[in-house]
Amino acid sequence: MEIADGCLVADLGCGTGVIGFVAAKLNPSGHVHLLDDNLRAVELAKENVLLNDLENSEVYLSDLFSAVGERTYHLILSNPSQQLGNEFLREMALKCFKHLKPEAQVYWVVQNHLKPYIKRLFEQVFGNCEVVAQGKEHIVFKANKLFPE
């Protein structure tokens, strides 16, 4: 992850919060919102925020961005649930676009077999897509919210 200090970051579908915690440590002057719709995950993420003394982080029980209203972010990070299907991933990408500030980025970690779909999806929604890392089982995609020409 590349994070400029002072950013507002969302960890969407945070689970226990690992990605958000890294973002908070790399961004000490910024702020991180950890969002998840699973009550147990949110409880664990809140405990982990306290255990790791991450004063620049807040955890929300949230269906996608429902708990943060119209707030926009400099960076959205996610390891989305791929079991919910392509329609959910499409809805999530559209919501990410809506909640990004201009010139902001979104990063998704997904399983390698989804590479063609996510590449197409990001091209459709954001107009761009970049593979920033690829491992044996997972791939990291990045897209930028660009100003319209």
N, C-alpha and C. Protein backbone atom coordinates (compact mmCIF):
# COMPACT_ATOMS: atom_id res chain seq x y z
N MET A 1 0.84 -1.18 0.00
CA MET A 1 0.00 0.00 0.00
C MET A 1 0.88 1.24 0.00
N GLU A 2 0.45 2.20 -0.76
CA GLU A 2 1.08 3.51 -0.71
C GLU A 2 0.07 4.45 -0.08
N ILE A 3 0.44 5.02 1.07
CA ILE A 3 -0.47 5.90 1.78
C ILE A 3 0.27 7.18 2.14
N ALA A 4 -0.24 8.29 1.65
CA ALA A 4 0.33 9.59 2.04
C ALA A 4 -0.21 9.92 3.43
N ASP A 5 0.67 10.30 4.33
CA ASP A 5 0.24 10.62 5.69
C ASP A 5 -0.74 11.79 5.67
N GLY A 6 -1.78 11.68 6.47
CA GLY A 6 -2.81 12.71 6.54
C GLY A 6 -4.07 12.36 5.77
N CYS A 7 -4.13 11.16 5.23
CA CYS A 7 -5.28 10.73 4.43
C CYS A 7 -6.43 10.21 5.29
N LEU A 8 -7.61 10.28 4.72
CA LEU A 8 -8.77 9.59 5.28
C LEU A 8 -8.92 8.30 4.50
N VAL A 9 -8.85 7.17 5.20
CA VAL A 9 -8.82 5.84 4.59
C VAL A 9 -10.00 5.03 5.08
N ALA A 10 -10.59 4.23 4.18
CA ALA A 10 -11.62 3.26 4.57
C ALA A 10 -11.08 1.85 4.33
N ASP A 11 -11.23 1.00 5.33
CA ASP A 11 -10.99 -0.44 5.18
C ASP A 11 -12.37 -1.06 5.11
N LEU A 12 -12.81 -1.36 3.90
CA LEU A 12 -14.17 -1.82 3.64
C LEU A 12 -14.24 -3.33 3.75
N GLY A 13 -15.10 -3.81 4.66
CA GLY A 13 -15.15 -5.24 4.95
C GLY A 13 -13.95 -5.62 5.79
N CYS A 14 -13.70 -4.86 6.83
CA CYS A 14 -12.45 -4.91 7.59
C CYS A 14 -12.18 -6.22 8.32
N GLY A 15 -13.21 -7.01 8.58
CA GLY A 15 -12.97 -8.21 9.39
C GLY A 15 -12.41 -7.81 10.74
N THR A 16 -11.34 -8.44 11.17
CA THR A 16 -10.73 -8.10 12.46
C THR A 16 -9.84 -6.86 12.39
N GLY A 17 -9.61 -6.33 11.18
CA GLY A 17 -8.97 -5.04 11.05
C GLY A 17 -7.54 -4.98 10.57
N VAL A 18 -6.95 -6.08 10.13
CA VAL A 18 -5.52 -6.10 9.81
C VAL A 18 -5.13 -5.05 8.78
N ILE A 19 -5.85 -4.96 7.67
CA ILE A 19 -5.50 -4.00 6.62
C ILE A 19 -5.63 -2.57 7.16
N GLY A 20 -6.70 -2.30 7.89
CA GLY A 20 -6.90 -0.97 8.47
C GLY A 20 -5.82 -0.60 9.47
N PHE A 21 -5.33 -1.58 10.23
CA PHE A 21 -4.28 -1.30 11.21
C PHE A 21 -2.98 -0.90 10.53
N VAL A 22 -2.65 -1.59 9.46
CA VAL A 22 -1.45 -1.22 8.69
C VAL A 22 -1.62 0.19 8.14
N ALA A 23 -2.80 0.48 7.61
CA ALA A 23 -3.08 1.83 7.07
C ALA A 23 -2.93 2.88 8.18
N ALA A 24 -3.42 2.58 9.38
CA ALA A 24 -3.33 3.54 10.49
C ALA A 24 -1.88 3.77 10.90
N LYS A 25 -1.08 2.72 10.92
CA LYS A 25 0.34 2.85 11.30
C LYS A 25 1.12 3.64 10.24
N LEU A 26 0.78 3.45 8.96
CA LEU A 26 1.47 4.16 7.88
C LEU A 26 0.97 5.59 7.73
N ASN A 27 -0.09 5.94 8.42
CA ASN A 27 -0.80 7.19 8.23
C ASN A 27 -1.10 7.83 9.60
N PRO A 28 -0.06 8.08 10.44
CA PRO A 28 -0.31 8.52 11.81
C PRO A 28 -1.02 9.86 11.93
N SER A 29 -0.89 10.73 10.95
CA SER A 29 -1.59 12.02 11.00
C SER A 29 -2.96 11.97 10.34
N GLY A 30 -3.28 10.84 9.75
CA GLY A 30 -4.56 10.67 9.07
C GLY A 30 -5.55 9.93 9.94
N HIS A 31 -6.57 9.38 9.30
CA HIS A 31 -7.63 8.70 10.03
C HIS A 31 -8.11 7.52 9.20
N VAL A 32 -8.46 6.43 9.88
CA VAL A 32 -8.93 5.21 9.21
C VAL A 32 -10.29 4.81 9.75
N HIS A 33 -11.22 4.54 8.84
CA HIS A 33 -12.52 4.00 9.19
C HIS A 33 -12.53 2.52 8.81
N LEU A 34 -12.78 1.67 9.78
CA LEU A 34 -12.90 0.24 9.55
C LEU A 34 -14.38 -0.10 9.50
N LEU A 35 -14.84 -0.62 8.37
CA LEU A 35 -16.27 -0.86 8.12
C LEU A 35 -16.53 -2.34 7.86
N ASP A 36 -17.52 -2.90 8.56
CA ASP A 36 -17.90 -4.29 8.31
C ASP A 36 -19.35 -4.47 8.72
N ASP A 37 -20.03 -5.39 8.04
CA ASP A 37 -21.44 -5.65 8.37
C ASP A 37 -21.61 -6.84 9.31
N ASN A 38 -20.50 -7.43 9.76
CA ASN A 38 -20.55 -8.57 10.67
C ASN A 38 -20.29 -8.09 12.09
N LEU A 39 -21.26 -8.27 12.96
CA LEU A 39 -21.16 -7.76 14.33
C LEU A 39 -19.95 -8.33 15.06
N ARG A 40 -19.69 -9.61 14.93
CA ARG A 40 -18.54 -10.22 15.63
C ARG A 40 -17.23 -9.63 15.10
N ALA A 41 -17.11 -9.46 13.80
CA ALA A 41 -15.90 -8.86 13.23
C ALA A 41 -15.69 -7.45 13.76
N VAL A 42 -16.77 -6.67 13.84
CA VAL A 42 -16.69 -5.30 14.35
C VAL A 42 -16.25 -5.30 15.80
N GLU A 43 -16.80 -6.20 16.61
CA GLU A 43 -16.39 -6.29 18.02
C GLU A 43 -14.90 -6.61 18.14
N LEU A 44 -14.43 -7.57 17.33
CA LEU A 44 -13.00 -7.93 17.36
C LEU A 44 -12.13 -6.78 16.86
N ALA A 45 -12.57 -6.09 15.82
CA ALA A 45 -11.81 -4.95 15.31
C ALA A 45 -11.70 -3.86 16.36
N LYS A 46 -12.80 -3.60 17.09
CA LYS A 46 -12.77 -2.60 18.15
C LYS A 46 -11.79 -3.00 19.25
N GLU A 47 -11.80 -4.26 19.64
CA GLU A 47 -10.83 -4.75 20.63
C GLU A 47 -9.41 -4.57 20.13
N ASN A 48 -9.19 -4.89 18.87
CA ASN A 48 -7.85 -4.77 18.29
C ASN A 48 -7.38 -3.32 18.18
N VAL A 49 -8.30 -2.41 17.92
CA VAL A 49 -7.94 -0.98 17.89
C VAL A 49 -7.42 -0.57 19.27
N LEU A 50 -8.11 -1.00 20.32
CA LEU A 50 -7.69 -0.68 21.69
C LEU A 50 -6.36 -1.36 22.02
N LEU A 51 -6.22 -2.63 21.69
CA LEU A 51 -4.99 -3.37 21.99
C LEU A 51 -3.77 -2.77 21.29
N ASN A 52 -3.99 -2.23 20.10
CA ASN A 52 -2.89 -1.67 19.32
C ASN A 52 -2.76 -0.16 19.47
N ASP A 53 -3.57 0.43 20.36
CA ASP A 53 -3.51 1.85 20.67
C ASP A 53 -3.58 2.71 19.40
N LEU A 54 -4.55 2.41 18.55
CA LEU A 54 -4.70 3.12 17.28
C LEU A 54 -5.74 4.23 17.44
N GLU A 55 -5.30 5.35 17.95
CA GLU A 55 -6.20 6.47 18.21
C GLU A 55 -6.73 7.12 16.93
N ASN A 56 -6.10 6.83 15.81
CA ASN A 56 -6.53 7.42 14.54
C ASN A 56 -7.45 6.47 13.76
N SER A 57 -8.12 5.56 14.47
CA SER A 57 -9.00 4.58 13.83
C SER A 57 -10.36 4.51 14.52
N GLU A 58 -11.39 4.33 13.71
CA GLU A 58 -12.75 4.14 14.22
C GLU A 58 -13.36 2.94 13.51
N VAL A 59 -14.12 2.14 14.24
CA VAL A 59 -14.74 0.95 13.70
C VAL A 59 -16.25 1.16 13.64
N TYR A 60 -16.86 0.79 12.51
CA TYR A 60 -18.30 0.97 12.32
C TYR A 60 -18.96 -0.34 11.88
N LEU A 61 -20.11 -0.64 12.45
CA LEU A 61 -20.97 -1.68 11.92
C LEU A 61 -21.68 -1.05 10.72
N SER A 62 -21.39 -1.55 9.52
CA SER A 62 -21.83 -0.84 8.33
C SER A 62 -22.02 -1.80 7.16
N ASP A 63 -23.16 -1.68 6.50
CA ASP A 63 -23.39 -2.38 5.23
C ASP A 63 -22.77 -1.51 4.15
N LEU A 64 -21.63 -1.94 3.65
CA LEU A 64 -20.80 -1.12 2.78
C LEU A 64 -20.53 0.22 3.48
N PHE A 65 -21.01 1.34 2.93
CA PHE A 65 -20.72 2.65 3.52
C PHE A 65 -21.89 3.25 4.30
N SER A 66 -22.90 2.45 4.64
CA SER A 66 -24.12 2.99 5.24
C SER A 66 -23.88 3.76 6.53
N ALA A 67 -22.90 3.39 7.32
CA ALA A 67 -22.67 4.05 8.61
C ALA A 67 -21.94 5.38 8.50
N VAL A 68 -21.39 5.69 7.34
CA VAL A 68 -20.60 6.93 7.21
C VAL A 68 -21.26 7.94 6.28
N GLY A 69 -22.48 7.70 5.89
CA GLY A 69 -23.21 8.66 5.07
C GLY A 69 -22.54 8.90 3.73
N GLU A 70 -22.40 10.17 3.37
CA GLU A 70 -21.83 10.56 2.07
C GLU A 70 -20.33 10.81 2.13
N ARG A 71 -19.68 10.46 3.23
CA ARG A 71 -18.26 10.73 3.40
C ARG A 71 -17.45 10.16 2.23
N THR A 72 -16.42 10.90 1.84
CA THR A 72 -15.53 10.45 0.78
C THR A 72 -14.13 10.27 1.33
N TYR A 73 -13.36 9.41 0.66
CA TYR A 73 -12.05 8.98 1.15
C TYR A 73 -10.95 9.22 0.12
N HIS A 74 -9.74 9.39 0.64
CA HIS A 74 -8.56 9.47 -0.21
C HIS A 74 -8.15 8.09 -0.71
N LEU A 75 -8.50 7.07 0.08
CA LEU A 75 -8.07 5.71 -0.22
C LEU A 75 -9.09 4.73 0.37
N ILE A 76 -9.50 3.75 -0.44
CA ILE A 76 -10.37 2.67 0.02
C ILE A 76 -9.63 1.37 -0.21
N LEU A 77 -9.52 0.58 0.85
CA LEU A 77 -8.83 -0.71 0.81
C LEU A 77 -9.83 -1.81 1.10
N SER A 78 -9.72 -2.94 0.41
CA SER A 78 -10.65 -4.02 0.68
C SER A 78 -10.11 -5.37 0.21
N ASN A 79 -10.50 -6.37 0.96
CA ASN A 79 -10.36 -7.76 0.55
C ASN A 79 -11.81 -8.28 0.54
N PRO A 80 -12.55 -7.97 -0.55
CA PRO A 80 -13.99 -8.22 -0.55
C PRO A 80 -14.34 -9.71 -0.50
N SER A 81 -15.48 -9.99 0.08
CA SER A 81 -15.99 -11.35 0.12
C SER A 81 -16.38 -11.78 -1.29
N GLN A 82 -15.66 -12.74 -1.81
CA GLN A 82 -15.94 -13.19 -3.17
C GLN A 82 -17.07 -14.22 -3.22
N GLN A 83 -17.48 -14.73 -2.07
CA GLN A 83 -18.55 -15.71 -2.02
C GLN A 83 -19.91 -15.07 -2.28
N LEU A 84 -20.00 -13.76 -2.20
CA LEU A 84 -21.29 -13.09 -2.39
C LEU A 84 -21.62 -12.85 -3.86
N GLY A 85 -20.70 -13.17 -4.76
CA GLY A 85 -20.98 -13.15 -6.19
C GLY A 85 -20.65 -11.85 -6.90
N ASN A 86 -20.73 -11.93 -8.22
CA ASN A 86 -20.34 -10.81 -9.08
C ASN A 86 -21.23 -9.59 -8.93
N GLU A 87 -22.53 -9.78 -8.69
CA GLU A 87 -23.42 -8.63 -8.53
C GLU A 87 -23.04 -7.82 -7.28
N PHE A 88 -22.69 -8.52 -6.21
CA PHE A 88 -22.25 -7.82 -5.00
C PHE A 88 -20.94 -7.07 -5.27
N LEU A 89 -20.00 -7.70 -5.97
CA LEU A 89 -18.73 -7.04 -6.28
C LEU A 89 -18.97 -5.79 -7.14
N ARG A 90 -19.91 -5.89 -8.06
CA ARG A 90 -20.25 -4.72 -8.90
C ARG A 90 -20.84 -3.60 -8.05
N GLU A 91 -21.79 -3.94 -7.17
CA GLU A 91 -22.36 -2.94 -6.27
C GLU A 91 -21.28 -2.31 -5.41
N MET A 92 -20.37 -3.12 -4.92
CA MET A 92 -19.29 -2.62 -4.07
C MET A 92 -18.37 -1.67 -4.83
N ALA A 93 -18.04 -2.01 -6.08
CA ALA A 93 -17.19 -1.14 -6.89
C ALA A 93 -17.88 0.20 -7.14
N LEU A 94 -19.17 0.17 -7.45
CA LEU A 94 -19.91 1.42 -7.68
C LEU A 94 -19.95 2.28 -6.42
N LYS A 95 -20.14 1.65 -5.26
CA LYS A 95 -20.16 2.39 -3.99
C LYS A 95 -18.77 2.96 -3.69
N CYS A 96 -17.73 2.18 -3.98
CA CYS A 96 -16.36 2.69 -3.79
C CYS A 96 -16.14 3.95 -4.64
N PHE A 97 -16.56 3.89 -5.90
CA PHE A 97 -16.41 5.05 -6.78
C PHE A 97 -17.10 6.27 -6.18
N LYS A 98 -18.32 6.08 -5.70
CA LYS A 98 -19.10 7.17 -5.12
C LYS A 98 -18.42 7.75 -3.88
N HIS A 99 -17.73 6.93 -3.11
CA HIS A 99 -17.15 7.36 -1.84
C HIS A 99 -15.67 7.72 -1.94
N LEU A 100 -15.15 7.83 -3.14
CA LEU A 100 -13.77 8.29 -3.34
C LEU A 100 -13.74 9.77 -3.66
N LYS A 101 -12.76 10.45 -3.10
CA LYS A 101 -12.50 11.83 -3.49
C LYS A 101 -11.90 11.83 -4.90
N PRO A 102 -11.97 12.93 -5.65
CA PRO A 102 -11.29 12.99 -6.94
C PRO A 102 -9.79 12.72 -6.77
N GLU A 103 -9.23 12.02 -7.73
CA GLU A 103 -7.82 11.65 -7.72
C GLU A 103 -7.47 10.63 -6.63
N ALA A 104 -8.47 9.99 -6.04
CA ALA A 104 -8.25 9.01 -4.98
C ALA A 104 -8.11 7.61 -5.57
N GLN A 105 -7.70 6.65 -4.73
CA GLN A 105 -7.46 5.29 -5.20
C GLN A 105 -8.25 4.27 -4.38
N VAL A 106 -8.50 3.15 -5.05
CA VAL A 106 -9.08 1.98 -4.40
C VAL A 106 -8.15 0.81 -4.67
N TYR A 107 -7.92 -0.01 -3.64
CA TYR A 107 -7.14 -1.24 -3.77
C TYR A 107 -8.02 -2.40 -3.32
N TRP A 108 -8.06 -3.45 -4.13
CA TRP A 108 -8.76 -4.68 -3.76
C TRP A 108 -7.81 -5.86 -3.86
N VAL A 109 -7.87 -6.74 -2.88
CA VAL A 109 -7.17 -8.02 -2.91
C VAL A 109 -8.22 -9.08 -3.20
N VAL A 110 -8.03 -9.84 -4.28
CA VAL A 110 -8.99 -10.89 -4.64
C VAL A 110 -8.25 -12.16 -5.05
N GLN A 111 -9.00 -13.24 -5.14
CA GLN A 111 -8.42 -14.50 -5.59
C GLN A 111 -8.11 -14.40 -7.08
N ASN A 112 -7.02 -15.07 -7.49
CA ASN A 112 -6.54 -14.97 -8.88
C ASN A 112 -7.59 -15.32 -9.93
N HIS A 113 -8.49 -16.25 -9.64
CA HIS A 113 -9.46 -16.66 -10.66
C HIS A 113 -10.42 -15.53 -11.02
N LEU A 114 -10.48 -14.48 -10.20
CA LEU A 114 -11.37 -13.34 -10.49
C LEU A 114 -10.68 -12.25 -11.32
N LYS A 115 -9.43 -12.46 -11.68
CA LYS A 115 -8.68 -11.43 -12.40
C LYS A 115 -9.42 -10.88 -13.62
N PRO A 116 -9.93 -11.72 -14.54
CA PRO A 116 -10.60 -11.13 -15.71
C PRO A 116 -11.83 -10.31 -15.34
N TYR A 117 -12.63 -10.79 -14.38
CA TYR A 117 -13.84 -10.07 -14.01
C TYR A 117 -13.52 -8.74 -13.33
N ILE A 118 -12.60 -8.74 -12.38
CA ILE A 118 -12.28 -7.50 -11.65
C ILE A 118 -11.63 -6.49 -12.59
N LYS A 119 -10.77 -6.96 -13.47
CA LYS A 119 -10.14 -6.05 -14.45
C LYS A 119 -11.21 -5.37 -15.29
N ARG A 120 -12.17 -6.15 -15.81
CA ARG A 120 -13.28 -5.59 -16.61
C ARG A 120 -14.13 -4.64 -15.77
N LEU A 121 -14.45 -5.06 -14.54
CA LEU A 121 -15.27 -4.26 -13.64
C LEU A 121 -14.61 -2.92 -13.34
N PHE A 122 -13.34 -2.93 -12.97
CA PHE A 122 -12.64 -1.68 -12.66
C PHE A 122 -12.54 -0.79 -13.89
N GLU A 123 -12.31 -1.37 -15.06
CA GLU A 123 -12.26 -0.57 -16.29
C GLU A 123 -13.61 0.09 -16.54
N GLN A 124 -14.71 -0.64 -16.31
CA GLN A 124 -16.04 -0.08 -16.52
C GLN A 124 -16.37 1.02 -15.50
N VAL A 125 -16.07 0.77 -14.23
CA VAL A 125 -16.48 1.69 -13.16
C VAL A 125 -15.52 2.87 -13.04
N PHE A 126 -14.22 2.61 -13.06
CA PHE A 126 -13.22 3.66 -12.81
C PHE A 126 -12.55 4.17 -14.08
N GLY A 127 -12.65 3.40 -15.16
CA GLY A 127 -11.99 3.79 -16.40
C GLY A 127 -10.52 3.42 -16.43
N ASN A 128 -10.05 2.70 -15.42
CA ASN A 128 -8.65 2.27 -15.38
C ASN A 128 -8.53 1.12 -14.40
N CYS A 129 -7.42 0.39 -14.54
CA CYS A 129 -7.16 -0.74 -13.65
C CYS A 129 -5.69 -1.10 -13.75
N GLU A 130 -5.08 -1.36 -12.61
CA GLU A 130 -3.67 -1.74 -12.58
C GLU A 130 -3.50 -2.91 -11.61
N VAL A 131 -2.72 -3.89 -12.03
CA VAL A 131 -2.33 -4.97 -11.12
C VAL A 131 -1.07 -4.50 -10.42
N VAL A 132 -1.10 -4.41 -9.08
CA VAL A 132 0.06 -3.92 -8.35
C VAL A 132 0.84 -5.04 -7.68
N ALA A 133 0.23 -6.21 -7.52
CA ALA A 133 0.93 -7.36 -6.96
C ALA A 133 0.14 -8.62 -7.30
N GLN A 134 0.88 -9.70 -7.50
CA GLN A 134 0.22 -10.97 -7.78
C GLN A 134 1.02 -12.08 -7.13
N GLY A 135 0.31 -12.91 -6.38
CA GLY A 135 0.92 -14.06 -5.74
C GLY A 135 0.36 -15.34 -6.33
N LYS A 136 0.62 -16.42 -5.63
CA LYS A 136 0.15 -17.73 -6.09
C LYS A 136 -1.37 -17.85 -6.09
N GLU A 137 -2.01 -17.24 -5.09
CA GLU A 137 -3.45 -17.37 -4.95
C GLU A 137 -4.23 -16.06 -5.02
N HIS A 138 -3.56 -14.93 -4.81
CA HIS A 138 -4.25 -13.64 -4.74
C HIS A 138 -3.59 -12.61 -5.64
N ILE A 139 -4.38 -11.60 -5.97
CA ILE A 139 -3.91 -10.50 -6.81
C ILE A 139 -4.42 -9.19 -6.21
N VAL A 140 -3.62 -8.14 -6.32
CA VAL A 140 -4.01 -6.82 -5.81
C VAL A 140 -4.23 -5.90 -6.99
N PHE A 141 -5.44 -5.35 -7.06
CA PHE A 141 -5.81 -4.39 -8.10
C PHE A 141 -5.87 -2.99 -7.51
N LYS A 142 -5.55 -2.03 -8.35
CA LYS A 142 -5.66 -0.62 -7.97
C LYS A 142 -6.38 0.11 -9.09
N ALA A 143 -7.25 1.04 -8.72
CA ALA A 143 -7.89 1.93 -9.69
C ALA A 143 -7.89 3.33 -9.11
N ASN A 144 -7.87 4.31 -9.99
CA ASN A 144 -7.89 5.71 -9.59
C ASN A 144 -9.21 6.35 -10.01
N LYS A 145 -9.73 7.22 -9.16
CA LYS A 145 -10.89 8.02 -9.56
C LYS A 145 -10.34 9.26 -10.24
N LEU A 146 -10.47 9.29 -11.54
CA LEU A 146 -9.91 10.37 -12.32
C LEU A 146 -10.93 11.47 -12.57
N PHE A 147 -10.44 12.68 -12.76
CA PHE A 147 -11.33 13.77 -13.15
C PHE A 147 -11.83 13.50 -14.57
N PRO A 148 -13.09 13.82 -14.86
CA PRO A 148 -13.57 13.66 -16.24
C PRO A 148 -12.84 14.64 -17.16
N GLU A 149 -12.61 14.17 -18.37
CA GLU A 149 -11.89 15.03 -19.34
C GLU A 149 -12.78 16.10 -19.91
